[in-house]
Amino acid sequence: MASEKVQTLTDGNFEQTINGGKVVLVDFWAEWCGPCRRLSPTVDQLATDYDGKLVVAKMNVDENPYTPNRFSVRGIPTLMLFKGGQLVDQFVGLTDKDSLKKIIDKHVA
């Protein structure tokens, strides 16, 4: 469900990824989630648009329950933006690309 520019996150590599020095956009999703499937092409396009400036990653909440629970993900899709390892913004539900870009641009140099 991810393009080659989108990383796949697990409970095991999550901390290392968000603390890697770049701004990170994480898409919490599930295979059975229709809205997640509709949002996926937007997330893939953001990975292309911000290549080298932003890490874009997806985490399957069914396969990795610890991290979504830790960040109180209650509905999917949920997108979270991390900077310096800290959560700086989040979006729940379907969100259009332009709205996402406005928020991302505030955090990406």
PDB file of N, CA and C in Angstrom:
ATOM      1  N   MET A   1       0.817  -1.203   0.000  1.00  0.00           N
ATOM      2  CA  MET A   1       0.000   0.000   0.000  1.00  0.00           C
ATOM      3  C   MET A   1       0.860   1.266   0.000  1.00  0.00           C
ATOM      4  N   ALA A   2       2.160   1.144  -0.121  1.00  0.00           N
ATOM      5  CA  ALA A   2       3.024   2.314  -0.090  1.00  0.00           C
ATOM      6  C   ALA A   2       3.895   2.371  -1.333  1.00  0.00           C
ATOM      7  N   SER A   3       4.202   3.596  -1.764  1.00  0.00           N
ATOM      8  CA  SER A   3       5.126   3.762  -2.877  1.00  0.00           C
ATOM      9  C   SER A   3       6.547   3.528  -2.371  1.00  0.00           C
ATOM     10  N   GLU A   4       7.515   3.495  -3.297  1.00  0.00           N
ATOM     11  CA  GLU A   4       8.899   3.247  -2.887  1.00  0.00           C
ATOM     12  C   GLU A   4       9.480   4.395  -2.065  1.00  0.00           C
ATOM     13  N   LYS A   5       8.876   5.580  -2.097  1.00  0.00           N
ATOM     14  CA  LYS A   5       9.353   6.722  -1.319  1.00  0.00           C
ATOM     15  C   LYS A   5       8.753   6.750   0.091  1.00  0.00           C
ATOM     16  N   VAL A   6       7.803   5.869   0.353  1.00  0.00           N
ATOM     17  CA  VAL A   6       7.130   5.822   1.649  1.00  0.00           C
ATOM     18  C   VAL A   6       7.705   4.670   2.463  1.00  0.00           C
ATOM     19  N   GLN A   7       8.162   4.990   3.669  1.00  0.00           N
ATOM     20  CA  GLN A   7       8.716   3.968   4.552  1.00  0.00           C
ATOM     21  C   GLN A   7       7.595   3.214   5.256  1.00  0.00           C
ATOM     22  N   THR A   8       7.870   1.979   5.587  1.00  0.00           N
ATOM     23  CA  THR A   8       6.941   1.186   6.384  1.00  0.00           C
ATOM     24  C   THR A   8       7.450   1.177   7.819  1.00  0.00           C
ATOM     25  N   LEU A   9       6.614   1.645   8.731  1.00  0.00           N
ATOM     26  CA  LEU A   9       6.989   1.684  10.142  1.00  0.00           C
ATOM     27  C   LEU A   9       6.409   0.503  10.893  1.00  0.00           C
ATOM     28  N   THR A  10       7.129   0.100  11.926  1.00  0.00           N
ATOM     29  CA  THR A  10       6.667  -0.919  12.855  1.00  0.00           C
ATOM     30  C   THR A  10       6.841  -0.375  14.268  1.00  0.00           C
ATOM     31  N   ASP A  11       6.297  -1.077  15.239  1.00  0.00           N
ATOM     32  CA  ASP A  11       6.535  -0.689  16.626  1.00  0.00           C
ATOM     33  C   ASP A  11       8.038  -0.694  16.915  1.00  0.00           C
ATOM     34  N   GLY A  12       8.776  -1.546  16.220  1.00  0.00           N
ATOM     35  CA  GLY A  12      10.217  -1.681  16.451  1.00  0.00           C
ATOM     36  C   GLY A  12      11.068  -0.557  15.884  1.00  0.00           C
ATOM     37  N   ASN A  13      10.681   0.036  14.767  1.00  0.00           N
ATOM     38  CA  ASN A  13      11.522   1.081  14.158  1.00  0.00           C
ATOM     39  C   ASN A  13      10.935   2.490  14.261  1.00  0.00           C
ATOM     40  N   PHE A  14       9.818   2.627  14.935  1.00  0.00           N
ATOM     41  CA  PHE A  14       9.136   3.925  15.016  1.00  0.00           C
ATOM     42  C   PHE A  14      10.002   5.006  15.663  1.00  0.00           C
ATOM     43  N   GLU A  15      10.518   4.733  16.860  1.00  0.00           N
ATOM     44  CA  GLU A  15      11.303   5.740  17.593  1.00  0.00           C
ATOM     45  C   GLU A  15      12.524   6.179  16.804  1.00  0.00           C
ATOM     46  N   GLN A  16      13.230   5.231  16.214  1.00  0.00           N
ATOM     47  CA  GLN A  16      14.419   5.549  15.431  1.00  0.00           C
ATOM     48  C   GLN A  16      14.055   6.469  14.261  1.00  0.00           C
ATOM     49  N   THR A  17      12.917   6.209  13.627  1.00  0.00           N
ATOM     50  CA  THR A  17      12.502   7.010  12.482  1.00  0.00           C
ATOM     51  C   THR A  17      12.120   8.429  12.880  1.00  0.00           C
ATOM     52  N   ILE A  18      11.312   8.590  13.921  1.00  0.00           N
ATOM     53  CA  ILE A  18      10.877   9.949  14.280  1.00  0.00           C
ATOM     54  C   ILE A  18      11.997  10.764  14.912  1.00  0.00           C
ATOM     55  N   ASN A  19      13.027  10.102  15.408  1.00  0.00           N
ATOM     56  CA  ASN A  19      14.167  10.802  16.001  1.00  0.00           C
ATOM     57  C   ASN A  19      15.346  10.913  15.037  1.00  0.00           C
ATOM     58  N   GLY A  20      15.103  10.686  13.756  1.00  0.00           N
ATOM     59  CA  GLY A  20      16.171  10.663  12.766  1.00  0.00           C
ATOM     60  C   GLY A  20      16.639  12.013  12.263  1.00  0.00           C
ATOM     61  N   GLY A  21      16.113  13.107  12.770  1.00  0.00           N
ATOM     62  CA  GLY A  21      16.608  14.417  12.388  1.00  0.00           C
ATOM     63  C   GLY A  21      15.762  15.145  11.345  1.00  0.00           C
ATOM     64  N   LYS A  22      14.822  14.457  10.709  1.00  0.00           N
ATOM     65  CA  LYS A  22      13.953  15.109   9.727  1.00  0.00           C
ATOM     66  C   LYS A  22      12.527  15.162  10.270  1.00  0.00           C
ATOM     67  N   VAL A  23      11.731  16.020   9.637  1.00  0.00           N
ATOM     68  CA  VAL A  23      10.301  16.038   9.944  1.00  0.00           C
ATOM     69  C   VAL A  23       9.718  14.747   9.354  1.00  0.00           C
ATOM     70  N   VAL A  24       8.831  14.095  10.113  1.00  0.00           N
ATOM     71  CA  VAL A  24       8.275  12.805   9.703  1.00  0.00           C
ATOM     72  C   VAL A  24       6.746  12.881   9.722  1.00  0.00           C
ATOM     73  N   LEU A  25       6.133  12.496   8.606  1.00  0.00           N
ATOM     74  CA  LEU A  25       4.682  12.369   8.511  1.00  0.00           C
ATOM     75  C   LEU A  25       4.347  10.890   8.583  1.00  0.00           C
ATOM     76  N   VAL A  26       3.560  10.498   9.584  1.00  0.00           N
ATOM     77  CA  VAL A  26       3.184   9.093   9.766  1.00  0.00           C
ATOM     78  C   VAL A  26       1.689   8.941   9.485  1.00  0.00           C
ATOM     79  N   ASP A  27       1.380   8.022   8.593  1.00  0.00           N
ATOM     80  CA  ASP A  27       0.001   7.666   8.249  1.00  0.00           C
ATOM     81  C   ASP A  27      -0.343   6.375   8.974  1.00  0.00           C
ATOM     82  N   PHE A  28      -1.227   6.464   9.975  1.00  0.00           N
ATOM     83  CA  PHE A  28      -1.720   5.278  10.682  1.00  0.00           C
ATOM     84  C   PHE A  28      -2.929   4.771   9.905  1.00  0.00           C
ATOM     85  N   TRP A  29      -2.886   3.525   9.449  1.00  0.00           N
ATOM     86  CA  TRP A  29      -3.902   2.998   8.550  1.00  0.00           C
ATOM     87  C   TRP A  29      -4.149   1.516   8.839  1.00  0.00           C
ATOM     88  N   ALA A  30      -5.152   0.947   8.157  1.00  0.00           N
ATOM     89  CA  ALA A  30      -5.424  -0.488   8.206  1.00  0.00           C
ATOM     90  C   ALA A  30      -5.898  -0.933   6.823  1.00  0.00           C
ATOM     91  N   GLU A  31      -5.622  -2.171   6.501  1.00  0.00           N
ATOM     92  CA  GLU A  31      -5.965  -2.742   5.194  1.00  0.00           C
ATOM     93  C   GLU A  31      -7.471  -2.657   4.913  1.00  0.00           C
ATOM     94  N   TRP A  32      -8.289  -2.856   5.932  1.00  0.00           N
ATOM     95  CA  TRP A  32      -9.742  -2.914   5.771  1.00  0.00           C
ATOM     96  C   TRP A  32     -10.404  -1.526   5.744  1.00  0.00           C
ATOM     97  N   CYS A  33      -9.626  -0.467   5.932  1.00  0.00           N
ATOM     98  CA  CYS A  33     -10.155   0.892   6.086  1.00  0.00           C
ATOM     99  C   CYS A  33     -10.325   1.578   4.725  1.00  0.00           C
ATOM    100  N   GLY A  34     -11.560   1.782   4.299  1.00  0.00           N
ATOM    101  CA  GLY A  34     -11.845   2.439   3.024  1.00  0.00           C
ATOM    102  C   GLY A  34     -11.283   3.850   2.924  1.00  0.00           C
ATOM    103  N   PRO A  35     -11.525   4.708   3.923  1.00  0.00           N
ATOM    104  CA  PRO A  35     -10.944   6.054   3.868  1.00  0.00           C
ATOM    105  C   PRO A  35      -9.412   6.038   3.802  1.00  0.00           C
ATOM    106  N   CYS A  36      -8.788   5.059   4.453  1.00  0.00           N
ATOM    107  CA  CYS A  36      -7.324   4.936   4.403  1.00  0.00           C
ATOM    108  C   CYS A  36      -6.873   4.670   2.964  1.00  0.00           C
ATOM    109  N   ARG A  37      -7.610   3.822   2.286  1.00  0.00           N
ATOM    110  CA  ARG A  37      -7.278   3.503   0.884  1.00  0.00           C
ATOM    111  C   ARG A  37      -7.441   4.727  -0.018  1.00  0.00           C
ATOM    112  N   ARG A  38      -8.459   5.544   0.270  1.00  0.00           N
ATOM    113  CA  ARG A  38      -8.665   6.757  -0.523  1.00  0.00           C
ATOM    114  C   ARG A  38      -7.583   7.804  -0.253  1.00  0.00           C
ATOM    115  N   LEU A  39      -7.065   7.836   0.967  1.00  0.00           N
ATOM    116  CA  LEU A  39      -6.030   8.800   1.331  1.00  0.00           C
ATOM    117  C   LEU A  39      -4.643   8.371   0.839  1.00  0.00           C
ATOM    118  N   SER A  40      -4.449   7.094   0.636  1.00  0.00           N
ATOM    119  CA  SER A  40      -3.131   6.555   0.290  1.00  0.00           C
ATOM    120  C   SER A  40      -2.455   7.251  -0.899  1.00  0.00           C
ATOM    121  N   PRO A  41      -3.151   7.496  -2.032  1.00  0.00           N
ATOM    122  CA  PRO A  41      -2.481   8.190  -3.140  1.00  0.00           C
ATOM    123  C   PRO A  41      -2.009   9.601  -2.779  1.00  0.00           C
ATOM    124  N   THR A  42      -2.741  10.277  -1.905  1.00  0.00           N
ATOM    125  CA  THR A  42      -2.343  11.612  -1.446  1.00  0.00           C
ATOM    126  C   THR A  42      -1.054  11.525  -0.643  1.00  0.00           C
ATOM    127  N   VAL A  43      -0.983  10.547   0.250  1.00  0.00           N
ATOM    128  CA  VAL A  43       0.221  10.359   1.062  1.00  0.00           C
ATOM    129  C   VAL A  43       1.411  10.011   0.167  1.00  0.00           C
ATOM    130  N   ASP A  44       1.181   9.142  -0.814  1.00  0.00           N
ATOM    131  CA  ASP A  44       2.249   8.785  -1.756  1.00  0.00           C
ATOM    132  C   ASP A  44       2.730  10.016  -2.525  1.00  0.00           C
ATOM    133  N   GLN A  45       1.809  10.889  -2.930  1.00  0.00           N
ATOM    134  CA  GLN A  45       2.187  12.093  -3.661  1.00  0.00           C
ATOM    135  C   GLN A  45       2.972  13.060  -2.775  1.00  0.00           C
ATOM    136  N   LEU A  46       2.598  13.159  -1.512  1.00  0.00           N
ATOM    137  CA  LEU A  46       3.353  14.003  -0.581  1.00  0.00           C
ATOM    138  C   LEU A  46       4.781  13.497  -0.442  1.00  0.00           C
ATOM    139  N   ALA A  47       4.956  12.184  -0.447  1.00  0.00           N
ATOM    140  CA  ALA A  47       6.303  11.612  -0.361  1.00  0.00           C
ATOM    141  C   ALA A  47       7.138  12.039  -1.552  1.00  0.00           C
ATOM    142  N   THR A  48       6.539  12.111  -2.723  1.00  0.00           N
ATOM    143  CA  THR A  48       7.243  12.566  -3.926  1.00  0.00           C
ATOM    144  C   THR A  48       7.491  14.070  -3.863  1.00  0.00           C
ATOM    145  N   ASP A  49       6.471  14.832  -3.490  1.00  0.00           N
ATOM    146  CA  ASP A  49       6.580  16.288  -3.443  1.00  0.00           C
ATOM    147  C   ASP A  49       7.646  16.767  -2.453  1.00  0.00           C
ATOM    148  N   TYR A  50       7.782  16.062  -1.337  1.00  0.00           N
ATOM    149  CA  TYR A  50       8.703  16.482  -0.277  1.00  0.00           C
ATOM    150  C   TYR A  50       9.933  15.571  -0.179  1.00  0.00           C
ATOM    151  N   ASP A  51      10.234  14.861  -1.228  1.00  0.00           N
ATOM    152  CA  ASP A  51      11.368  13.942  -1.226  1.00  0.00           C
ATOM    153  C   ASP A  51      12.650  14.675  -0.818  1.00  0.00           C
ATOM    154  N   GLY A  52      13.327  14.152   0.207  1.00  0.00           N
ATOM    155  CA  GLY A  52      14.549  14.775   0.698  1.00  0.00           C
ATOM    156  C   GLY A  52      14.330  15.810   1.787  1.00  0.00           C
ATOM    157  N   LYS A  53      13.089  16.271   1.962  1.00  0.00           N
ATOM    158  CA  LYS A  53      12.773  17.286   2.972  1.00  0.00           C
ATOM    159  C   LYS A  53      11.933  16.726   4.112  1.00  0.00           C
ATOM    160  N   LEU A  54      11.219  15.653   3.817  1.00  0.00           N
ATOM    161  CA  LEU A  54      10.255  15.087   4.758  1.00  0.00           C
ATOM    162  C   LEU A  54      10.284  13.577   4.622  1.00  0.00           C
ATOM    163  N   VAL A  55      10.275  12.883   5.744  1.00  0.00           N
ATOM    164  CA  VAL A  55      10.136  11.433   5.718  1.00  0.00           C
ATOM    165  C   VAL A  55       8.639  11.138   5.793  1.00  0.00           C
ATOM    166  N   VAL A  56       8.147  10.363   4.849  1.00  0.00           N
ATOM    167  CA  VAL A  56       6.748   9.955   4.847  1.00  0.00           C
ATOM    168  C   VAL A  56       6.719   8.459   5.123  1.00  0.00           C
ATOM    169  N   ALA A  57       5.910   8.070   6.101  1.00  0.00           N
ATOM    170  CA  ALA A  57       5.882   6.673   6.520  1.00  0.00           C
ATOM    171  C   ALA A  57       4.460   6.246   6.845  1.00  0.00           C
ATOM    172  N   LYS A  58       4.221   4.941   6.719  1.00  0.00           N
ATOM    173  CA  LYS A  58       2.909   4.377   7.035  1.00  0.00           C
ATOM    174  C   LYS A  58       3.067   3.281   8.071  1.00  0.00           C
ATOM    175  N   MET A  59       2.095   3.228   8.980  1.00  0.00           N
ATOM    176  CA  MET A  59       2.092   2.192  10.008  1.00  0.00           C
ATOM    177  C   MET A  59       0.731   1.510  10.030  1.00  0.00           C
ATOM    178  N   ASN A  60       0.740   0.202   9.808  1.00  0.00           N
ATOM    179  CA  ASN A  60      -0.478  -0.596   9.871  1.00  0.00           C
ATOM    180  C   ASN A  60      -0.833  -0.805  11.344  1.00  0.00           C
ATOM    181  N   VAL A  61      -1.989  -0.280  11.751  1.00  0.00           N
ATOM    182  CA  VAL A  61      -2.371  -0.321  13.161  1.00  0.00           C
ATOM    183  C   VAL A  61      -2.748  -1.724  13.644  1.00  0.00           C
ATOM    184  N   ASP A  62      -3.158  -2.587  12.719  1.00  0.00           N
ATOM    185  CA  ASP A  62      -3.494  -3.955  13.109  1.00  0.00           C
ATOM    186  C   ASP A  62      -2.235  -4.775  13.393  1.00  0.00           C
ATOM    187  N   GLU A  63      -1.186  -4.528  12.632  1.00  0.00           N
ATOM    188  CA  GLU A  63       0.065  -5.274  12.793  1.00  0.00           C
ATOM    189  C   GLU A  63       0.960  -4.678  13.874  1.00  0.00           C
ATOM    190  N   ASN A  64       0.726  -3.429  14.230  1.00  0.00           N
ATOM    191  CA  ASN A  64       1.570  -2.708  15.190  1.00  0.00           C
ATOM    192  C   ASN A  64       0.691  -1.945  16.181  1.00  0.00           C
ATOM    193  N   PRO A  65       0.130  -2.618  17.175  1.00  0.00           N
ATOM    194  CA  PRO A  65      -0.820  -1.950  18.068  1.00  0.00           C
ATOM    195  C   PRO A  65      -0.196  -1.047  19.132  1.00  0.00           C
ATOM    196  N   TYR A  66       1.059  -1.257  19.490  1.00  0.00           N
ATOM    197  CA  TYR A  66       1.656  -0.504  20.594  1.00  0.00           C
ATOM    198  C   TYR A  66       1.726   1.002  20.313  1.00  0.00           C
ATOM    199  N   THR A  67       2.315   1.370  19.186  1.00  0.00           N
ATOM    200  CA  THR A  67       2.535   2.789  18.887  1.00  0.00           C
ATOM    201  C   THR A  67       1.220   3.557  18.718  1.00  0.00           C
ATOM    202  N   PRO A  68       0.252   3.054  17.940  1.00  0.00           N
ATOM    203  CA  PRO A  68      -1.021   3.795  17.846  1.00  0.00           C
ATOM    204  C   PRO A  68      -1.692   3.965  19.216  1.00  0.00           C
ATOM    205  N   ASN A  69      -1.605   2.957  20.071  1.00  0.00           N
ATOM    206  CA  ASN A  69      -2.187   3.060  21.405  1.00  0.00           C
ATOM    207  C   ASN A  69      -1.452   4.121  22.225  1.00  0.00           C
ATOM    208  N   ARG A  70      -0.141   4.155  22.113  1.00  0.00           N
ATOM    209  CA  ARG A  70       0.676   5.132  22.843  1.00  0.00           C
ATOM    210  C   ARG A  70       0.307   6.574  22.473  1.00  0.00           C
ATOM    211  N   PHE A  71      -0.031   6.792  21.205  1.00  0.00           N
ATOM    212  CA  PHE A  71      -0.402   8.136  20.745  1.00  0.00           C
ATOM    213  C   PHE A  71      -1.912   8.332  20.669  1.00  0.00           C
ATOM    214  N   SER A  72      -2.660   7.443  21.299  1.00  0.00           N
ATOM    215  CA  SER A  72      -4.123   7.541  21.400  1.00  0.00           C
ATOM    216  C   SER A  72      -4.808   7.662  20.045  1.00  0.00           C
ATOM    217  N   VAL A  73      -4.349   6.880  19.073  1.00  0.00           N
ATOM    218  CA  VAL A  73      -5.015   6.843  17.767  1.00  0.00           C
ATOM    219  C   VAL A  73      -6.317   6.082  17.957  1.00  0.00           C
ATOM    220  N   ARG A  74      -7.435   6.768  17.781  1.00  0.00           N
ATOM    221  CA  ARG A  74      -8.753   6.161  17.996  1.00  0.00           C
ATOM    222  C   ARG A  74      -9.518   5.970  16.700  1.00  0.00           C
ATOM    223  N   GLY A  75      -9.172   6.722  15.686  1.00  0.00           N
ATOM    224  CA  GLY A  75      -9.823   6.606  14.388  1.00  0.00           C
ATOM    225  C   GLY A  75      -8.767   6.633  13.301  1.00  0.00           C
ATOM    226  N   ILE A  76      -9.062   5.965  12.207  1.00  0.00           N
ATOM    227  CA  ILE A  76      -8.127   5.976  11.086  1.00  0.00           C
ATOM    228  C   ILE A  76      -8.874   6.348   9.820  1.00  0.00           C
ATOM    229  N   PRO A  77      -8.202   6.973   8.888  1.00  0.00           N
ATOM    230  CA  PRO A  77      -6.775   7.290   8.930  1.00  0.00           C
ATOM    231  C   PRO A  77      -6.474   8.443   9.895  1.00  0.00           C
ATOM    232  N   THR A  78      -5.326   8.348  10.534  1.00  0.00           N
ATOM    233  CA  THR A  78      -4.786   9.433  11.337  1.00  0.00           C
ATOM    234  C   THR A  78      -3.388   9.722  10.813  1.00  0.00           C
ATOM    235  N   LEU A  79      -3.112  10.970  10.534  1.00  0.00           N
ATOM    236  CA  LEU A  79      -1.782  11.402  10.113  1.00  0.00           C
ATOM    237  C   LEU A  79      -1.183  12.221  11.241  1.00  0.00           C
ATOM    238  N   MET A  80       0.048  11.897  11.609  1.00  0.00           N
ATOM    239  CA  MET A  80       0.746  12.646  12.650  1.00  0.00           C
ATOM    240  C   MET A  80       2.058  13.162  12.092  1.00  0.00           C
ATOM    241  N   LEU A  81       2.365  14.401  12.455  1.00  0.00           N
ATOM    242  CA  LEU A  81       3.590  15.046  12.003  1.00  0.00           C
ATOM    243  C   LEU A  81       4.520  15.206  13.204  1.00  0.00           C
ATOM    244  N   PHE A  82       5.740  14.665  13.064  1.00  0.00           N
ATOM    245  CA  PHE A  82       6.730  14.708  14.129  1.00  0.00           C
ATOM    246  C   PHE A  82       7.915  15.553  13.694  1.00  0.00           C
ATOM    247  N   LYS A  83       8.428  16.347  14.630  1.00  0.00           N
ATOM    248  CA  LYS A  83       9.627  17.146  14.383  1.00  0.00           C
ATOM    249  C   LYS A  83      10.499  17.042  15.623  1.00  0.00           C
ATOM    250  N   GLY A  84      11.752  16.660  15.420  1.00  0.00           N
ATOM    251  CA  GLY A  84      12.641  16.476  16.573  1.00  0.00           C
ATOM    252  C   GLY A  84      12.141  15.419  17.528  1.00  0.00           C
ATOM    253  N   GLY A  85      11.426  14.427  16.994  1.00  0.00           N
ATOM    254  CA  GLY A  85      10.906  13.347  17.825  1.00  0.00           C
ATOM    255  C   GLY A  85       9.620  13.683  18.558  1.00  0.00           C
ATOM    256  N   GLN A  86       9.126  14.911  18.394  1.00  0.00           N
ATOM    257  CA  GLN A  86       7.925  15.355  19.104  1.00  0.00           C
ATOM    258  C   GLN A  86       6.746  15.502  18.142  1.00  0.00           C
ATOM    259  N   LEU A  87       5.576  15.129  18.606  1.00  0.00           N
ATOM    260  CA  LEU A  87       4.357  15.314  17.829  1.00  0.00           C
ATOM    261  C   LEU A  87       4.057  16.812  17.750  1.00  0.00           C
ATOM    262  N   VAL A  88       3.962  17.336  16.516  1.00  0.00           N
ATOM    263  CA  VAL A  88       3.701  18.773  16.347  1.00  0.00           C
ATOM    264  C   VAL A  88       2.348  19.064  15.700  1.00  0.00           C
ATOM    265  N   ASP A  89       1.763  18.065  15.044  1.00  0.00           N
ATOM    266  CA  ASP A  89       0.449  18.271  14.429  1.00  0.00           C
ATOM    267  C   ASP A  89      -0.160  16.924  14.097  1.00  0.00           C
ATOM    268  N   GLN A  90      -1.477  16.897  13.951  1.00  0.00           N
ATOM    269  CA  GLN A  90      -2.138  15.666  13.540  1.00  0.00           C
ATOM    270  C   GLN A  90      -3.438  15.958  12.825  1.00  0.00           C
ATOM    271  N   PHE A  91      -3.846  14.995  12.018  1.00  0.00           N
ATOM    272  CA  PHE A  91      -5.063  15.088  11.223  1.00  0.00           C
ATOM    273  C   PHE A  91      -5.775  13.753  11.350  1.00  0.00           C
ATOM    274  N   VAL A  92      -7.072  13.781  11.592  1.00  0.00           N
ATOM    275  CA  VAL A  92      -7.847  12.546  11.694  1.00  0.00           C
ATOM    276  C   VAL A  92      -8.885  12.551  10.582  1.00  0.00           C
ATOM    277  N   GLY A  93      -8.978  11.433   9.866  1.00  0.00           N
ATOM    278  CA  GLY A  93      -9.943  11.306   8.782  1.00  0.00           C
ATOM    279  C   GLY A  93      -9.350  11.736   7.459  1.00  0.00           C
ATOM    280  N   LEU A  94     -10.190  11.717   6.439  1.00  0.00           N
ATOM    281  CA  LEU A  94      -9.742  12.126   5.114  1.00  0.00           C
ATOM    282  C   LEU A  94      -9.395  13.612   5.127  1.00  0.00           C
ATOM    283  N   THR A  95      -8.243  13.939   4.593  1.00  0.00           N
ATOM    284  CA  THR A  95      -7.770  15.314   4.527  1.00  0.00           C
ATOM    285  C   THR A  95      -7.240  15.551   3.130  1.00  0.00           C
ATOM    286  N   ASP A  96      -7.537  16.713   2.556  1.00  0.00           N
ATOM    287  CA  ASP A  96      -7.073  16.975   1.195  1.00  0.00           C
ATOM    288  C   ASP A  96      -5.596  17.380   1.196  1.00  0.00           C
ATOM    289  N   LYS A  97      -4.975  17.196   0.050  1.00  0.00           N
ATOM    290  CA  LYS A  97      -3.540  17.429  -0.103  1.00  0.00           C
ATOM    291  C   LYS A  97      -3.155  18.872   0.225  1.00  0.00           C
ATOM    292  N   ASP A  98      -3.922  19.840  -0.237  1.00  0.00           N
ATOM    293  CA  ASP A  98      -3.589  21.242   0.003  1.00  0.00           C
ATOM    294  C   ASP A  98      -3.583  21.579   1.494  1.00  0.00           C
ATOM    295  N   SER A  99      -4.544  21.048   2.235  1.00  0.00           N
ATOM    296  CA  SER A  99      -4.584  21.284   3.682  1.00  0.00           C
ATOM    297  C   SER A  99      -3.367  20.668   4.362  1.00  0.00           C
ATOM    298  N   LEU A 100      -3.008  19.474   3.939  1.00  0.00           N
ATOM    299  CA  LEU A 100      -1.831  18.817   4.501  1.00  0.00           C
ATOM    300  C   LEU A 100      -0.561  19.603   4.190  1.00  0.00           C
ATOM    301  N   LYS A 101      -0.448  20.080   2.957  1.00  0.00           N
ATOM    302  CA  LYS A 101       0.752  20.821   2.557  1.00  0.00           C
ATOM    303  C   LYS A 101       0.908  22.117   3.360  1.00  0.00           C
ATOM    304  N   LYS A 102      -0.188  22.789   3.660  1.00  0.00           N
ATOM    305  CA  LYS A 102      -0.107  24.022   4.444  1.00  0.00           C
ATOM    306  C   LYS A 102       0.484  23.757   5.828  1.00  0.00           C
ATOM    307  N   ILE A 103       0.068  22.670   6.443  1.00  0.00           N
ATOM    308  CA  ILE A 103       0.582  22.320   7.768  1.00  0.00           C
ATOM    309  C   ILE A 103       2.034  21.848   7.668  1.00  0.00           C
ATOM    310  N   ILE A 104       2.322  20.991   6.708  1.00  0.00           N
ATOM    311  CA  ILE A 104       3.688  20.480   6.540  1.00  0.00           C
ATOM    312  C   ILE A 104       4.656  21.629   6.278  1.00  0.00           C
ATOM    313  N   ASP A 105       4.259  22.563   5.428  1.00  0.00           N
ATOM    314  CA  ASP A 105       5.134  23.687   5.076  1.00  0.00           C
ATOM    315  C   ASP A 105       5.517  24.535   6.290  1.00  0.00           C
ATOM    316  N   LYS A 106       4.679  24.559   7.321  1.00  0.00           N
ATOM    317  CA  LYS A 106       5.010  25.313   8.534  1.00  0.00           C
ATOM    318  C   LYS A 106       6.178  24.666   9.295  1.00  0.00           C
ATOM    319  N   HIS A 107       6.390  23.371   9.074  1.00  0.00           N
ATOM    320  CA  HIS A 107       7.391  22.638   9.853  1.00  0.00           C
ATOM    321  C   HIS A 107       8.621  22.211   9.056  1.00  0.00           C
ATOM    322  N   VAL A 108       8.532  22.261   7.742  1.00  0.00           N
ATOM    323  CA  VAL A 108       9.648  21.849   6.893  1.00  0.00           C
ATOM    324  C   VAL A 108      10.393  23.098   6.431  1.00  0.00           C
ATOM    325  N   ALA A 109      11.686  23.125   6.691  1.00  0.00           N
ATOM    326  CA  ALA A 109      12.489  24.310   6.316  1.00  0.00           C
ATOM    327  C   ALA A 109      12.667  24.407   4.815  1.00  0.00           C
TER     328      ALA A 109
END
